Amino acid sequence: MNVPARVAKRPVVRSAGEWRENVEDFEREGVSAVAYCEGQRPQTLLRWRRRPGP
């Protein structure tokens, strides 16, 4: 069965802890959100960056 690519790809689900680690890595790298996300949409990363910590 041939499944269309748009159906086969599912978003990666990450926990809050994983997102916090990603935000910390992003801030350490000192690059733009677009560069850090390697062409992926950076909106989610930036939204997690604005969230208050634990």
N, C-alpha and C. Protein backbone atom coordinates (compact mmCIF):
# COMPACT_ATOMS: atom_id res chain seq x y z
N MET A 1 0.84 -1.18 0.00
CA MET A 1 0.00 0.00 0.00
C MET A 1 0.88 1.24 0.00
N ASN A 2 0.58 2.17 -0.85
CA ASN A 2 1.36 3.39 -0.97
C ASN A 2 0.67 4.51 -0.20
N VAL A 3 1.32 4.99 0.87
CA VAL A 3 0.74 6.04 1.72
C VAL A 3 1.34 7.38 1.33
N PRO A 4 0.53 8.40 1.09
CA PRO A 4 1.06 9.72 0.77
C PRO A 4 1.99 10.23 1.86
N ALA A 5 3.04 10.95 1.47
CA ALA A 5 4.03 11.45 2.43
C ALA A 5 3.39 12.32 3.50
N ARG A 6 2.41 13.12 3.14
CA ARG A 6 1.79 14.01 4.13
C ARG A 6 1.04 13.23 5.20
N VAL A 7 0.61 12.04 4.91
CA VAL A 7 -0.08 11.22 5.89
C VAL A 7 0.93 10.41 6.70
N ALA A 8 2.00 9.96 6.05
CA ALA A 8 2.98 9.10 6.70
C ALA A 8 3.81 9.86 7.74
N LYS A 9 4.07 11.14 7.52
CA LYS A 9 4.88 11.92 8.46
C LYS A 9 4.01 12.40 9.60
N ARG A 10 4.47 12.14 10.78
CA ARG A 10 3.76 12.61 11.97
C ARG A 10 4.68 13.49 12.78
N PRO A 11 4.15 14.49 13.45
CA PRO A 11 5.01 15.36 14.25
C PRO A 11 5.66 14.59 15.40
N VAL A 12 6.85 15.00 15.74
CA VAL A 12 7.55 14.40 16.87
C VAL A 12 6.93 14.96 18.14
N VAL A 13 6.57 14.08 19.05
CA VAL A 13 5.99 14.51 20.32
C VAL A 13 7.11 14.49 21.37
N ARG A 14 7.31 15.63 22.01
CA ARG A 14 8.35 15.74 23.02
C ARG A 14 7.72 16.11 24.36
N SER A 15 8.35 15.68 25.42
CA SER A 15 7.88 16.02 26.76
C SER A 15 8.33 17.45 27.10
N ALA A 16 7.78 17.99 28.17
CA ALA A 16 8.16 19.34 28.61
C ALA A 16 9.65 19.37 28.94
N GLY A 17 10.16 18.33 29.55
CA GLY A 17 11.59 18.27 29.88
C GLY A 17 12.46 18.28 28.64
N GLU A 18 12.04 17.56 27.61
CA GLU A 18 12.80 17.54 26.36
C GLU A 18 12.80 18.92 25.72
N TRP A 19 11.67 19.62 25.77
CA TRP A 19 11.62 20.96 25.20
C TRP A 19 12.51 21.91 25.98
N ARG A 20 12.53 21.79 27.30
CA ARG A 20 13.40 22.66 28.10
C ARG A 20 14.87 22.42 27.75
N GLU A 21 15.24 21.15 27.54
CA GLU A 21 16.61 20.84 27.13
C GLU A 21 16.91 21.45 25.76
N ASN A 22 15.96 21.36 24.84
CA ASN A 22 16.15 21.96 23.52
C ASN A 22 16.35 23.47 23.63
N VAL A 23 15.56 24.12 24.47
CA VAL A 23 15.67 25.57 24.63
C VAL A 23 17.04 25.91 25.23
N GLU A 24 17.50 25.15 26.22
CA GLU A 24 18.81 25.40 26.82
C GLU A 24 19.92 25.22 25.78
N ASP A 25 19.84 24.16 24.99
CA ASP A 25 20.83 23.94 23.92
C ASP A 25 20.81 25.09 22.92
N PHE A 26 19.61 25.52 22.53
CA PHE A 26 19.45 26.62 21.58
C PHE A 26 20.12 27.89 22.12
N GLU A 27 19.89 28.21 23.39
CA GLU A 27 20.46 29.41 23.96
C GLU A 27 21.98 29.32 24.07
N ARG A 28 22.52 28.13 24.36
CA ARG A 28 23.97 27.94 24.42
C ARG A 28 24.62 28.10 23.05
N GLU A 29 23.93 27.63 22.01
CA GLU A 29 24.48 27.68 20.65
C GLU A 29 24.69 29.11 20.17
N GLY A 30 23.82 30.01 20.56
CA GLY A 30 23.95 31.41 20.15
C GLY A 30 23.67 31.65 18.67
N VAL A 31 22.83 30.83 18.07
CA VAL A 31 22.45 31.00 16.67
C VAL A 31 20.98 31.38 16.60
N SER A 32 20.53 31.71 15.41
CA SER A 32 19.11 32.04 15.25
C SER A 32 18.26 30.78 15.42
N ALA A 33 16.98 30.99 15.70
CA ALA A 33 16.06 29.86 15.86
C ALA A 33 15.94 29.07 14.56
N VAL A 34 15.95 29.77 13.43
CA VAL A 34 15.86 29.10 12.13
C VAL A 34 17.08 28.21 11.91
N ALA A 35 18.27 28.73 12.23
CA ALA A 35 19.50 27.94 12.07
C ALA A 35 19.50 26.75 13.02
N TYR A 36 19.07 26.96 14.25
CA TYR A 36 19.05 25.87 15.23
C TYR A 36 18.08 24.77 14.80
N CYS A 37 16.95 25.15 14.25
CA CYS A 37 15.93 24.17 13.87
C CYS A 37 16.20 23.54 12.51
N GLU A 38 17.27 23.93 11.84
CA GLU A 38 17.70 23.34 10.57
C GLU A 38 16.58 23.26 9.54
N GLY A 39 15.96 24.39 9.28
CA GLY A 39 14.93 24.45 8.26
C GLY A 39 13.54 24.05 8.73
N GLN A 40 13.41 23.55 9.94
CA GLN A 40 12.10 23.23 10.48
C GLN A 40 11.47 24.52 11.01
N ARG A 41 10.21 24.48 11.26
CA ARG A 41 9.53 25.67 11.78
C ARG A 41 9.96 25.93 13.22
N PRO A 42 10.51 27.10 13.52
CA PRO A 42 11.01 27.39 14.86
C PRO A 42 9.96 27.90 15.85
N GLN A 43 8.71 28.03 15.43
CA GLN A 43 7.69 28.63 16.30
C GLN A 43 7.53 27.88 17.62
N THR A 44 7.55 26.56 17.58
CA THR A 44 7.35 25.79 18.80
C THR A 44 8.51 26.01 19.77
N LEU A 45 9.73 26.01 19.25
CA LEU A 45 10.90 26.26 20.09
C LEU A 45 10.79 27.62 20.75
N LEU A 46 10.42 28.63 19.99
CA LEU A 46 10.31 29.98 20.54
C LEU A 46 9.16 30.09 21.54
N ARG A 47 8.09 29.37 21.31
CA ARG A 47 6.97 29.37 22.27
C ARG A 47 7.42 28.75 23.59
N TRP A 48 8.17 27.63 23.53
CA TRP A 48 8.67 27.01 24.75
C TRP A 48 9.69 27.90 25.44
N ARG A 49 10.41 28.68 24.69
CA ARG A 49 11.41 29.59 25.29
C ARG A 49 10.70 30.64 26.14
N ARG A 50 9.52 31.08 25.75
CA ARG A 50 8.78 32.09 26.50
C ARG A 50 8.08 31.54 27.73
N ARG A 51 7.92 30.22 27.80
CA ARG A 51 7.21 29.61 28.94
C ARG A 51 8.02 29.73 30.20
N PRO A 52 7.37 29.91 31.35
CA PRO A 52 8.10 29.94 32.61
C PRO A 52 8.68 28.56 32.92
N GLY A 53 9.78 28.55 33.63
CA GLY A 53 10.43 27.29 34.01
C GLY A 53 9.63 26.51 35.03
N PRO A 54 10.16 25.36 35.41
CA PRO A 54 9.43 24.49 36.35
C PRO A 54 9.19 25.12 37.70
